[in-house]
Amino acid sequence: MDSLSRLPLYLQVKNYITSMIDSGDYPADSKLPTEKELMKTLGVGRATVRSALSELEHEGRIYKRHGVGTFVSSNKFMPAFEPIISLTYSLERLGLEIRNVIISSGLEYPKGELTENFPRDEKIGRLSRLRLAGGETVAIEDSYFTKELYKTVRSLDPSKSVAHAILDSDGIDVDKIDMKIVLRPPTAKEQKQLRLSPGERVAQLTRWTFSADRAINYVRFVMRERLIQTPFGE
């Protein structure tokens, strides 16, 4: 594990296990090393290993047999994007050419769900983009930042990954990421923007990023459901 990386340790452990699964070192239905073995191999604590395994289990990449151990799932339908890190990165993994269109940006006071972690009396920056891939709109992204971080984001090439810009920013050490994904029917506006077929659902991802116990970024993605149900490797 890289102690100098701004990526939290549990995500580094998760990425390590994922790479071992993808490479075939941990084939389908094979038993994973025990928590103690992973702790010793990777030089991390039990809580870090458990957090990584919990996320992998939630995503369906592994499963547990009570009293036996943890195994690699044989389910070939995997999330086709890495929501914690970067939608841009994930779409590129699918071989899609990425183009982003900025809808709006500016400073505003937080309201609604944003007040959960942003102070109500401090303005935050907002960047709203349409994410295009393969010639079609695949996601709607609303990102909110602390005022300081917003200055950095505004200088970015709009085609670049905001998530990686945060990780690469000097003086910012990400120590916590809270993420939730739900599948739901689209609003009329979302159906029009994403050009969805009747009955097609959307996946909504919300992600809080924290540094030094302070919220620095909130992202809400609304994307086509198939982006998280594409057969892995296709």
C-alpha atoms as a PDB file:
ATOM      1  CA  MET A   1       0.000   0.000   0.000  1.00  0.00           C
ATOM      2  CA  ASP A   2       1.144   3.529  -0.787  1.00  0.00           C
ATOM      3  CA  SER A   3       1.263   5.591   2.410  1.00  0.00           C
ATOM      4  CA  LEU A   4       1.890   8.738   0.339  1.00  0.00           C
ATOM      5  CA  SER A   5      -1.230   8.290  -1.781  1.00  0.00           C
ATOM      6  CA  ARG A   6      -4.203  10.550  -1.104  1.00  0.00           C
ATOM      7  CA  LEU A   7      -6.463   7.577  -1.808  1.00  0.00           C
ATOM      8  CA  PRO A   8      -7.789   6.131   1.485  1.00  0.00           C
ATOM      9  CA  LEU A   9      -6.144   2.854   2.513  1.00  0.00           C
ATOM     10  CA  TYR A  10      -9.347   0.826   2.358  1.00  0.00           C
ATOM     11  CA  LEU A  11      -9.808   1.858  -1.291  1.00  0.00           C
ATOM     12  CA  GLN A  12      -6.225   0.836  -2.041  1.00  0.00           C
ATOM     13  CA  VAL A  13      -6.969  -2.572  -0.490  1.00  0.00           C
ATOM     14  CA  LYS A  14     -10.206  -2.805  -2.462  1.00  0.00           C
ATOM     15  CA  ASN A  15      -8.397  -1.958  -5.701  1.00  0.00           C
ATOM     16  CA  TYR A  16      -5.715  -4.555  -4.935  1.00  0.00           C
ATOM     17  CA  ILE A  17      -8.284  -7.323  -4.422  1.00  0.00           C
ATOM     18  CA  THR A  18     -10.219  -6.200  -7.502  1.00  0.00           C
ATOM     19  CA  SER A  19      -7.069  -6.349  -9.637  1.00  0.00           C
ATOM     20  CA  MET A  20      -6.337  -9.859  -8.350  1.00  0.00           C
ATOM     21  CA  ILE A  21      -9.863 -10.941  -9.300  1.00  0.00           C
ATOM     22  CA  ASP A  22      -9.699  -9.304 -12.734  1.00  0.00           C
ATOM     23  CA  SER A  23      -6.297 -10.845 -13.489  1.00  0.00           C
ATOM     24  CA  GLY A  24      -7.542 -14.329 -12.617  1.00  0.00           C
ATOM     25  CA  ASP A  25      -5.260 -14.732  -9.607  1.00  0.00           C
ATOM     26  CA  TYR A  26      -8.462 -15.019  -7.577  1.00  0.00           C
ATOM     27  CA  PRO A  27     -10.767 -16.937  -9.981  1.00  0.00           C
ATOM     28  CA  ALA A  28     -14.542 -17.244  -9.651  1.00  0.00           C
ATOM     29  CA  ASP A  29     -15.696 -19.215  -6.601  1.00  0.00           C
ATOM     30  CA  SER A  30     -12.163 -19.386  -5.201  1.00  0.00           C
ATOM     31  CA  LYS A  31     -11.618 -18.589  -1.542  1.00  0.00           C
ATOM     32  CA  LEU A  32     -10.000 -15.261  -0.723  1.00  0.00           C
ATOM     33  CA  PRO A  33      -7.176 -14.998   1.808  1.00  0.00           C
ATOM     34  CA  THR A  34      -8.407 -14.534   5.367  1.00  0.00           C
ATOM     35  CA  GLU A  35      -8.571 -11.100   6.970  1.00  0.00           C
ATOM     36  CA  LYS A  36      -5.405 -11.883   8.938  1.00  0.00           C
ATOM     37  CA  GLU A  37      -3.586 -12.967   5.782  1.00  0.00           C
ATOM     38  CA  LEU A  38      -4.602  -9.791   3.954  1.00  0.00           C
ATOM     39  CA  MET A  39      -3.573  -7.683   6.949  1.00  0.00           C
ATOM     40  CA  LYS A  40      -0.134  -9.312   6.971  1.00  0.00           C
ATOM     41  CA  THR A  41       0.341  -9.190   3.186  1.00  0.00           C
ATOM     42  CA  LEU A  42      -0.759  -5.576   2.781  1.00  0.00           C
ATOM     43  CA  GLY A  43       0.434  -4.183   6.098  1.00  0.00           C
ATOM     44  CA  VAL A  44      -2.915  -2.700   7.107  1.00  0.00           C
ATOM     45  CA  GLY A  45      -5.311  -3.041  10.032  1.00  0.00           C
ATOM     46  CA  ARG A  46      -8.389  -5.219  10.380  1.00  0.00           C
ATOM     47  CA  ALA A  47     -10.825  -2.293  10.055  1.00  0.00           C
ATOM     48  CA  THR A  48      -9.239  -1.316   6.726  1.00  0.00           C
ATOM     49  CA  VAL A  49      -9.544  -4.849   5.342  1.00  0.00           C
ATOM     50  CA  ARG A  50     -13.133  -5.184   6.533  1.00  0.00           C
ATOM     51  CA  SER A  51     -14.142  -1.878   4.927  1.00  0.00           C
ATOM     52  CA  ALA A  52     -12.671  -3.000   1.599  1.00  0.00           C
ATOM     53  CA  LEU A  53     -14.353  -6.415   1.770  1.00  0.00           C
ATOM     54  CA  SER A  54     -17.666  -4.844   2.763  1.00  0.00           C
ATOM     55  CA  GLU A  55     -17.701  -2.661  -0.355  1.00  0.00           C
ATOM     56  CA  LEU A  56     -16.735  -5.568  -2.604  1.00  0.00           C
ATOM     57  CA  GLU A  57     -19.521  -7.677  -1.111  1.00  0.00           C
ATOM     58  CA  HIS A  58     -22.010  -4.824  -1.570  1.00  0.00           C
ATOM     59  CA  GLU A  59     -21.004  -4.586  -5.243  1.00  0.00           C
ATOM     60  CA  GLY A  60     -21.460  -8.326  -5.709  1.00  0.00           C
ATOM     61  CA  ARG A  61     -17.817  -9.094  -6.427  1.00  0.00           C
ATOM     62  CA  ILE A  62     -17.432 -11.416  -3.446  1.00  0.00           C
ATOM     63  CA  TYR A  63     -19.715 -13.416  -1.158  1.00  0.00           C
ATOM     64  CA  LYS A  64     -19.387 -14.960   2.290  1.00  0.00           C
ATOM     65  CA  ARG A  65     -20.125 -18.452   3.562  1.00  0.00           C
ATOM     66  CA  HIS A  66     -20.729 -18.395   7.289  1.00  0.00           C
ATOM     67  CA  GLY A  67     -18.002 -20.262   9.101  1.00  0.00           C
ATOM     68  CA  VAL A  68     -16.181 -21.079   5.864  1.00  0.00           C
ATOM     69  CA  GLY A  69     -14.760 -17.867   4.396  1.00  0.00           C
ATOM     70  CA  THR A  70     -15.082 -15.263   1.660  1.00  0.00           C
ATOM     71  CA  PHE A  71     -15.241 -16.243  -2.011  1.00  0.00           C
ATOM     72  CA  VAL A  72     -15.060 -14.582  -5.426  1.00  0.00           C
ATOM     73  CA  SER A  73     -18.448 -14.196  -7.052  1.00  0.00           C
ATOM     74  CA  SER A  74     -19.050 -15.955 -10.361  1.00  0.00           C
ATOM     75  CA  ASN A  75     -21.559 -13.268 -11.346  1.00  0.00           C
ATOM     76  CA  LYS A  76     -20.245 -11.673 -14.521  1.00  0.00           C
ATOM     77  CA  PHE A  77     -22.377  -8.547 -14.243  1.00  0.00           C
ATOM     78  CA  MET A  78     -20.248  -5.977 -12.523  1.00  0.00           C
ATOM     79  CA  PRO A  79     -20.425  -2.208 -12.132  1.00  0.00           C
ATOM     80  CA  ALA A  80     -19.057  -0.815 -15.388  1.00  0.00           C
ATOM     81  CA  PHE A  81     -17.738   2.298 -13.707  1.00  0.00           C
ATOM     82  CA  GLU A  82     -15.687   3.123 -10.653  1.00  0.00           C
ATOM     83  CA  PRO A  83     -18.112   5.482  -8.914  1.00  0.00           C
ATOM     84  CA  ILE A  84     -15.844   6.252  -5.987  1.00  0.00           C
ATOM     85  CA  ILE A  85     -13.028   7.516  -8.143  1.00  0.00           C
ATOM     86  CA  SER A  86     -14.104   8.725 -11.542  1.00  0.00           C
ATOM     87  CA  LEU A  87     -16.917   8.311 -14.018  1.00  0.00           C
ATOM     88  CA  THR A  88     -14.551   9.626 -16.707  1.00  0.00           C
ATOM     89  CA  TYR A  89     -12.084   6.825 -15.949  1.00  0.00           C
ATOM     90  CA  SER A  90     -14.827   4.211 -15.982  1.00  0.00           C
ATOM     91  CA  LEU A  91     -16.303   5.315 -19.290  1.00  0.00           C
ATOM     92  CA  GLU A  92     -12.836   5.314 -20.833  1.00  0.00           C
ATOM     93  CA  ARG A  93     -12.419   1.714 -19.618  1.00  0.00           C
ATOM     94  CA  LEU A  94     -15.447   0.873 -21.762  1.00  0.00           C
ATOM     95  CA  GLY A  95     -13.625   2.314 -24.775  1.00  0.00           C
ATOM     96  CA  LEU A  96     -15.908   5.340 -25.032  1.00  0.00           C
ATOM     97  CA  GLU A  97     -14.741   8.776 -26.132  1.00  0.00           C
ATOM     98  CA  ILE A  98     -15.626  11.266 -23.408  1.00  0.00           C
ATOM     99  CA  ARG A  99     -16.953  14.774 -23.919  1.00  0.00           C
ATOM    100  CA  ASN A 100     -18.367  17.013 -21.203  1.00  0.00           C
ATOM    101  CA  VAL A 101     -20.685  19.973 -21.657  1.00  0.00           C
ATOM    102  CA  ILE A 102     -20.957  22.518 -18.851  1.00  0.00           C
ATOM    103  CA  ILE A 103     -24.591  23.463 -18.239  1.00  0.00           C
ATOM    104  CA  SER A 104     -24.024  25.974 -15.455  1.00  0.00           C
ATOM    105  CA  SER A 105     -21.648  26.975 -12.677  1.00  0.00           C
ATOM    106  CA  GLY A 106     -21.378  29.520  -9.895  1.00  0.00           C
ATOM    107  CA  LEU A 107     -21.458  30.185  -6.160  1.00  0.00           C
ATOM    108  CA  GLU A 108     -24.549  29.613  -4.031  1.00  0.00           C
ATOM    109  CA  TYR A 109     -25.624  28.831  -0.489  1.00  0.00           C
ATOM    110  CA  PRO A 110     -26.246  25.130   0.204  1.00  0.00           C
ATOM    111  CA  LYS A 111     -29.796  23.883   0.562  1.00  0.00           C
ATOM    112  CA  GLY A 112     -31.610  20.580   0.858  1.00  0.00           C
ATOM    113  CA  GLU A 113     -29.323  17.551   0.999  1.00  0.00           C
ATOM    114  CA  LEU A 114     -26.261  19.803   0.750  1.00  0.00           C
ATOM    115  CA  THR A 115     -26.832  21.137   4.266  1.00  0.00           C
ATOM    116  CA  GLU A 116     -26.092  17.685   5.700  1.00  0.00           C
ATOM    117  CA  ASN A 117     -22.360  18.437   5.607  1.00  0.00           C
ATOM    118  CA  PHE A 118     -21.831  21.935   4.167  1.00  0.00           C
ATOM    119  CA  PRO A 119     -22.340  24.935   6.525  1.00  0.00           C
ATOM    120  CA  ARG A 120     -25.582  26.727   5.655  1.00  0.00           C
ATOM    121  CA  ASP A 121     -24.030  30.190   5.958  1.00  0.00           C
ATOM    122  CA  GLU A 122     -21.043  29.602   3.646  1.00  0.00           C
ATOM    123  CA  LYS A 123     -21.284  29.766  -0.127  1.00  0.00           C
ATOM    124  CA  ILE A 124     -20.162  26.725  -2.108  1.00  0.00           C
ATOM    125  CA  GLY A 125     -19.226  26.288  -5.747  1.00  0.00           C
ATOM    126  CA  ARG A 126     -21.429  24.379  -8.188  1.00  0.00           C
ATOM    127  CA  LEU A 127     -20.515  22.802 -11.525  1.00  0.00           C
ATOM    128  CA  SER A 128     -23.229  21.090 -13.581  1.00  0.00           C
ATOM    129  CA  ARG A 129     -22.220  19.036 -16.616  1.00  0.00           C
ATOM    130  CA  LEU A 130     -23.691  16.664 -19.158  1.00  0.00           C
ATOM    131  CA  ARG A 131     -21.431  13.640 -19.685  1.00  0.00           C
ATOM    132  CA  LEU A 132     -21.361  12.464 -23.299  1.00  0.00           C
ATOM    133  CA  ALA A 133     -19.850   9.206 -24.509  1.00  0.00           C
ATOM    134  CA  GLY A 134     -20.081   7.525 -27.875  1.00  0.00           C
ATOM    135  CA  GLY A 135     -22.112  10.433 -29.199  1.00  0.00           C
ATOM    136  CA  GLU A 136     -24.887  10.227 -26.592  1.00  0.00           C
ATOM    137  CA  THR A 137     -25.602  11.766 -23.201  1.00  0.00           C
ATOM    138  CA  VAL A 138     -24.983   9.060 -20.618  1.00  0.00           C
ATOM    139  CA  ALA A 139     -25.008  11.012 -17.361  1.00  0.00           C
ATOM    140  CA  ILE A 140     -26.000  14.260 -15.686  1.00  0.00           C
ATOM    141  CA  GLU A 141     -23.531  15.478 -13.076  1.00  0.00           C
ATOM    142  CA  ASP A 142     -23.982  18.121 -10.386  1.00  0.00           C
ATOM    143  CA  SER A 143     -20.842  18.754  -8.329  1.00  0.00           C
ATOM    144  CA  TYR A 144     -20.527  21.025  -5.303  1.00  0.00           C
ATOM    145  CA  PHE A 145     -17.280  22.174  -3.694  1.00  0.00           C
ATOM    146  CA  THR A 146     -15.933  24.288  -0.894  1.00  0.00           C
ATOM    147  CA  LYS A 147     -15.216  27.803  -2.105  1.00  0.00           C
ATOM    148  CA  GLU A 148     -11.461  27.152  -2.001  1.00  0.00           C
ATOM    149  CA  LEU A 149     -11.651  23.938  -4.001  1.00  0.00           C
ATOM    150  CA  TYR A 150     -14.032  25.516  -6.498  1.00  0.00           C
ATOM    151  CA  LYS A 151     -11.248  27.899  -7.566  1.00  0.00           C
ATOM    152  CA  THR A 152      -9.132  24.884  -8.529  1.00  0.00           C
ATOM    153  CA  VAL A 153     -11.985  23.150 -10.328  1.00  0.00           C
ATOM    154  CA  ARG A 154     -12.836  26.240 -12.391  1.00  0.00           C
ATOM    155  CA  SER A 155      -9.359  26.191 -13.916  1.00  0.00           C
ATOM    156  CA  LEU A 156      -9.810  22.606 -15.124  1.00  0.00           C
ATOM    157  CA  ASP A 157     -10.286  21.418 -18.649  1.00  0.00           C
ATOM    158  CA  PRO A 158     -14.025  20.495 -18.542  1.00  0.00           C
ATOM    159  CA  SER A 159     -13.224  17.144 -20.141  1.00  0.00           C
ATOM    160  CA  LYS A 160     -11.062  16.126 -17.184  1.00  0.00           C
ATOM    161  CA  SER A 161     -12.046  14.109 -14.138  1.00  0.00           C
ATOM    162  CA  VAL A 162     -13.063  16.253 -11.173  1.00  0.00           C
ATOM    163  CA  ALA A 163     -12.407  13.338  -8.804  1.00  0.00           C
ATOM    164  CA  HIS A 164      -8.793  13.021  -9.891  1.00  0.00           C
ATOM    165  CA  ALA A 165      -8.337  16.790  -9.700  1.00  0.00           C
ATOM    166  CA  ILE A 166      -9.305  16.592  -6.028  1.00  0.00           C
ATOM    167  CA  LEU A 167      -6.942  13.690  -5.356  1.00  0.00           C
ATOM    168  CA  ASP A 168      -4.108  15.516  -7.125  1.00  0.00           C
ATOM    169  CA  SER A 169      -4.645  18.860  -5.375  1.00  0.00           C
ATOM    170  CA  ASP A 170      -1.848  19.997  -3.091  1.00  0.00           C
ATOM    171  CA  GLY A 171      -2.773  20.125   0.576  1.00  0.00           C
ATOM    172  CA  ILE A 172      -5.813  17.862   0.235  1.00  0.00           C
ATOM    173  CA  ASP A 173      -5.723  14.417   1.811  1.00  0.00           C
ATOM    174  CA  VAL A 174      -8.954  12.509   1.305  1.00  0.00           C
ATOM    175  CA  ASP A 175      -9.721  10.546   4.460  1.00  0.00           C
ATOM    176  CA  LYS A 176     -13.338   9.513   3.932  1.00  0.00           C
ATOM    177  CA  ILE A 177     -15.776   8.900   1.087  1.00  0.00           C
ATOM    178  CA  ASP A 178     -19.483   8.214   1.604  1.00  0.00           C
ATOM    179  CA  MET A 179     -21.340   6.869  -1.400  1.00  0.00           C
ATOM    180  CA  LYS A 180     -24.828   5.620  -2.157  1.00  0.00           C
ATOM    181  CA  ILE A 181     -26.359   4.236  -5.346  1.00  0.00           C
ATOM    182  CA  VAL A 182     -30.080   3.815  -5.975  1.00  0.00           C
ATOM    183  CA  LEU A 183     -32.034   2.727  -9.043  1.00  0.00           C
ATOM    184  CA  ARG A 184     -35.199   4.716  -9.726  1.00  0.00           C
ATOM    185  CA  PRO A 185     -37.536   5.962 -12.456  1.00  0.00           C
ATOM    186  CA  PRO A 186     -36.265   9.143 -14.143  1.00  0.00           C
ATOM    187  CA  THR A 187     -37.860  12.555 -13.848  1.00  0.00           C
ATOM    188  CA  ALA A 188     -39.347  14.001 -17.032  1.00  0.00           C
ATOM    189  CA  LYS A 189     -36.314  16.292 -17.382  1.00  0.00           C
ATOM    190  CA  GLU A 190     -33.855  13.404 -16.932  1.00  0.00           C
ATOM    191  CA  GLN A 191     -35.726  11.263 -19.438  1.00  0.00           C
ATOM    192  CA  LYS A 192     -35.451  14.050 -21.998  1.00  0.00           C
ATOM    193  CA  GLN A 193     -31.785  14.865 -21.303  1.00  0.00           C
ATOM    194  CA  LEU A 194     -30.691  11.216 -21.362  1.00  0.00           C
ATOM    195  CA  ARG A 195     -33.106  10.294 -24.174  1.00  0.00           C
ATOM    196  CA  LEU A 196     -34.332   7.269 -22.273  1.00  0.00           C
ATOM    197  CA  SER A 197     -36.699   4.680 -23.657  1.00  0.00           C
ATOM    198  CA  PRO A 198     -40.093   4.243 -21.943  1.00  0.00           C
ATOM    199  CA  GLY A 199     -39.655   2.175 -18.785  1.00  0.00           C
ATOM    200  CA  GLU A 200     -35.871   2.637 -18.679  1.00  0.00           C
ATOM    201  CA  ARG A 201     -34.572   3.436 -15.194  1.00  0.00           C
ATOM    202  CA  VAL A 202     -31.665   5.565 -14.043  1.00  0.00           C
ATOM    203  CA  ALA A 203     -28.963   4.941 -11.471  1.00  0.00           C
ATOM    204  CA  GLN A 204     -28.378   7.814  -9.074  1.00  0.00           C
ATOM    205  CA  LEU A 205     -25.020   8.000  -7.356  1.00  0.00           C
ATOM    206  CA  THR A 206     -24.382  10.442  -4.529  1.00  0.00           C
ATOM    207  CA  ARG A 207     -20.881  10.811  -3.117  1.00  0.00           C
ATOM    208  CA  TRP A 208     -19.507  12.913  -0.260  1.00  0.00           C
ATOM    209  CA  THR A 209     -15.736  13.422  -0.079  1.00  0.00           C
ATOM    210  CA  PHE A 210     -14.111  14.511   3.179  1.00  0.00           C
ATOM    211  CA  SER A 211     -10.692  15.871   4.087  1.00  0.00           C
ATOM    212  CA  ALA A 212      -9.627  16.442   7.701  1.00  0.00           C
ATOM    213  CA  ASP A 213     -13.176  15.557   8.812  1.00  0.00           C
ATOM    214  CA  ARG A 214     -14.595  18.328   6.646  1.00  0.00           C
ATOM    215  CA  ALA A 215     -16.805  17.910   3.578  1.00  0.00           C
ATOM    216  CA  ILE A 216     -15.028  19.288   0.516  1.00  0.00           C
ATOM    217  CA  ASN A 217     -17.108  17.862  -2.332  1.00  0.00           C
ATOM    218  CA  TYR A 218     -20.560  16.456  -3.027  1.00  0.00           C
ATOM    219  CA  VAL A 219     -21.426  14.870  -6.359  1.00  0.00           C
ATOM    220  CA  ARG A 220     -24.749  13.657  -7.698  1.00  0.00           C
ATOM    221  CA  PHE A 221     -24.626  11.558 -10.872  1.00  0.00           C
ATOM    222  CA  VAL A 222     -27.745  10.457 -12.684  1.00  0.00           C
ATOM    223  CA  MET A 223     -26.890   7.954 -15.390  1.00  0.00           C
ATOM    224  CA  ARG A 224     -28.329   5.245 -17.572  1.00  0.00           C
ATOM    225  CA  GLU A 225     -28.931   2.082 -15.571  1.00  0.00           C
ATOM    226  CA  ARG A 226     -27.056  -0.034 -18.093  1.00  0.00           C
ATOM    227  CA  LEU A 227     -23.792   1.688 -17.115  1.00  0.00           C
ATOM    228  CA  ILE A 228     -23.754  -0.335 -13.904  1.00  0.00           C
ATOM    229  CA  GLN A 229     -25.051  -3.545 -15.466  1.00  0.00           C
ATOM    230  CA  THR A 230     -22.753  -3.875 -18.468  1.00  0.00           C
ATOM    231  CA  PRO A 231     -21.063  -7.310 -18.559  1.00  0.00           C
ATOM    232  CA  PHE A 232     -17.590  -6.841 -17.126  1.00  0.00           C
ATOM    233  CA  GLY A 233     -14.882  -6.826 -19.754  1.00  0.00           C
ATOM    234  CA  GLU A 234     -17.132  -6.048 -22.718  1.00  0.00           C
END
